[in-house]
Protein backbone atom coordinates (compact mmCIF):
# COMPACT_ATOMS: atom_id res chain seq x y z
CA GLN A 1 -61.19 143.89 123.29
CA VAL A 2 -57.30 143.91 123.39
CA GLN A 3 -54.85 142.85 121.28
CA LEU A 4 -51.01 142.71 120.83
CA VAL A 5 -49.14 143.69 117.27
CA GLU A 6 -45.49 142.74 117.17
CA ALA A 7 -42.99 144.25 114.56
CA GLY A 8 -39.60 144.15 113.77
CA GLY A 9 -38.81 140.57 112.72
CA ASP A 10 -36.17 139.96 109.72
CA LEU A 11 -33.84 138.11 108.16
CA VAL A 12 -30.01 139.20 110.05
CA GLN A 13 -26.79 137.45 109.94
CA ALA A 14 -25.50 135.77 113.12
CA GLY A 15 -23.66 138.73 115.12
CA GLY A 16 -26.13 141.18 114.09
CA SER A 17 -28.93 142.89 115.97
CA LEU A 18 -32.70 143.39 115.81
CA ARG A 19 -34.95 145.17 117.94
CA LEU A 20 -38.40 143.81 118.07
CA SER A 21 -41.61 146.15 119.25
CA CYS A 22 -44.97 145.03 120.64
CA VAL A 23 -47.82 147.47 120.83
CA ALA A 24 -51.13 147.02 122.77
CA SER A 25 -54.41 148.37 121.92
CA GLY A 26 -57.85 148.16 123.16
CA SER A 27 -59.65 148.81 126.44
CA ILE A 28 -56.72 148.76 128.42
CA SER A 29 -56.50 150.04 132.08
CA SER A 30 -53.11 148.56 132.68
CA ILE A 31 -50.71 146.21 131.53
CA ASN A 32 -49.21 143.73 134.34
CA ARG A 33 -46.56 141.18 132.98
CA MET A 34 -45.01 141.71 129.61
CA GLY A 35 -42.81 138.98 127.96
CA TRP A 36 -41.37 137.61 124.67
CA TYR A 37 -41.41 134.23 123.47
CA ARG A 38 -40.35 132.14 120.52
CA GLN A 39 -40.91 129.04 118.77
CA ALA A 40 -38.17 127.44 116.64
CA PRO A 41 -39.38 125.14 113.81
CA GLY A 42 -40.52 121.54 115.15
CA LYS A 43 -39.73 123.00 119.07
CA GLN A 44 -42.14 124.27 121.88
CA ARG A 45 -42.66 127.62 122.40
CA GLU A 46 -40.29 129.07 125.15
CA LEU A 47 -39.96 132.06 127.33
CA VAL A 48 -37.33 134.52 126.21
CA ALA A 49 -37.89 137.55 128.48
CA VAL A 50 -40.29 138.93 130.68
CA ILE A 51 -40.82 142.33 132.52
CA ARG A 52 -43.53 143.09 135.04
CA ARG A 53 -44.84 146.61 135.74
CA GLY A 54 -42.56 146.92 138.75
CA GLY A 55 -39.57 146.72 136.74
CA SER A 56 -38.38 143.18 137.50
CA ILE A 57 -37.06 141.36 135.01
CA ASN A 58 -36.17 137.65 133.86
CA TYR A 59 -34.55 136.19 130.92
CA ALA A 60 -33.62 132.88 129.75
CA ASP A 61 -30.15 131.75 130.23
CA SER A 62 -29.68 131.36 126.83
CA VAL A 63 -30.21 135.00 125.84
CA LYS A 64 -28.99 136.45 129.34
CA GLY A 65 -26.39 139.20 128.21
CA ARG A 66 -27.37 139.42 124.58
CA PHE A 67 -30.98 140.56 124.89
CA THR A 68 -32.83 143.30 126.54
CA ILE A 69 -36.51 143.72 127.66
CA THR A 70 -37.89 147.20 128.14
CA ARG A 71 -41.19 148.58 128.29
CA ASP A 72 -43.06 151.90 127.95
CA ASN A 73 -46.35 152.08 130.05
CA ALA A 74 -47.32 155.60 128.98
CA LYS A 75 -47.46 153.94 125.32
CA ASN A 76 -48.69 150.46 125.75
CA MET A 77 -45.39 149.38 124.32
CA GLY A 78 -42.63 146.69 124.83
CA TYR A 79 -39.64 145.92 123.04
CA LEU A 80 -36.81 143.29 123.04
CA GLN A 81 -33.37 144.33 121.75
CA MET A 82 -31.60 141.33 120.50
CA ASN A 83 -27.51 141.56 120.00
CA SER A 84 -25.24 139.05 119.18
CA LEU A 85 -27.93 136.90 117.44
CA LYS A 86 -26.83 133.37 116.93
CA VAL A 87 -28.49 130.79 114.43
CA GLU A 88 -30.41 129.12 117.25
CA ASP A 89 -32.14 132.56 118.10
CA THR A 90 -34.23 131.59 114.99
CA GLY A 91 -37.79 131.45 115.60
CA VAL A 92 -41.14 133.25 115.39
CA TYR A 93 -41.31 135.75 118.41
CA TYR A 94 -44.67 136.27 120.25
CA CYS A 95 -45.37 138.81 122.29
CA ASN A 96 -47.57 138.04 125.56
CA ALA A 97 -49.08 140.02 128.19
CA ASP A 98 -51.67 140.09 131.14
CA ILE A 99 -53.78 142.98 130.55
CA ALA A 100 -56.33 144.49 132.84
CA THR A 101 -59.11 145.65 130.88
CA LEU A 102 -62.89 147.08 131.45
CA SER A 103 -65.69 144.97 130.19
CA GLY A 104 -68.61 147.18 131.11
CA ASP A 105 -68.08 148.00 134.80
CA ILE A 106 -65.92 144.99 135.58
CA LEU A 107 -62.12 144.96 135.48
CA LYS A 108 -60.62 141.54 134.66
CA ILE A 109 -57.17 140.33 133.51
CA VAL A 110 -56.73 138.85 130.10
CA GLU A 111 -53.84 137.08 129.01
CA VAL A 112 -52.89 138.10 125.28
CA TRP A 113 -50.86 136.83 122.51
CA GLY A 114 -49.81 138.68 119.53
CA GLN A 115 -49.65 137.11 115.90
CA GLY A 116 -45.97 136.59 115.96
CA THR A 117 -42.88 138.20 113.91
CA PRO A 118 -40.53 135.96 112.26
CA VAL A 119 -36.70 136.27 113.05
CA THR A 120 -34.04 134.39 111.19
CA VAL A 121 -30.49 134.26 111.80
CA SER A 122 -28.18 133.30 109.11
CA SER A 123 -24.69 131.64 109.73
């Protein structure tokens, strides 16, 4: 079984910065895609940024130029550096990954979600 645990969410003033981290644990062969999503109160969960094992990255238009997604494959960790935070960035941030895991002799890909870490940006 594999799991993701996020950390780093906090209350911050507009214009400030936060760095979120996500660590994967369990029977991990490799992590393919790793992404960050967020869900604001009363809204649907949306993709913030995604980074693939090969290094390609995509960002939501709303965070381009302000957020940076990175990963450390050796440590099975992902990060989201958030700068110039805005009130509209408030929400619960979730780490999501496609993880190759061994189940007996079978290698399978599972999609895993973390429990979320709250980010509140005040004006």
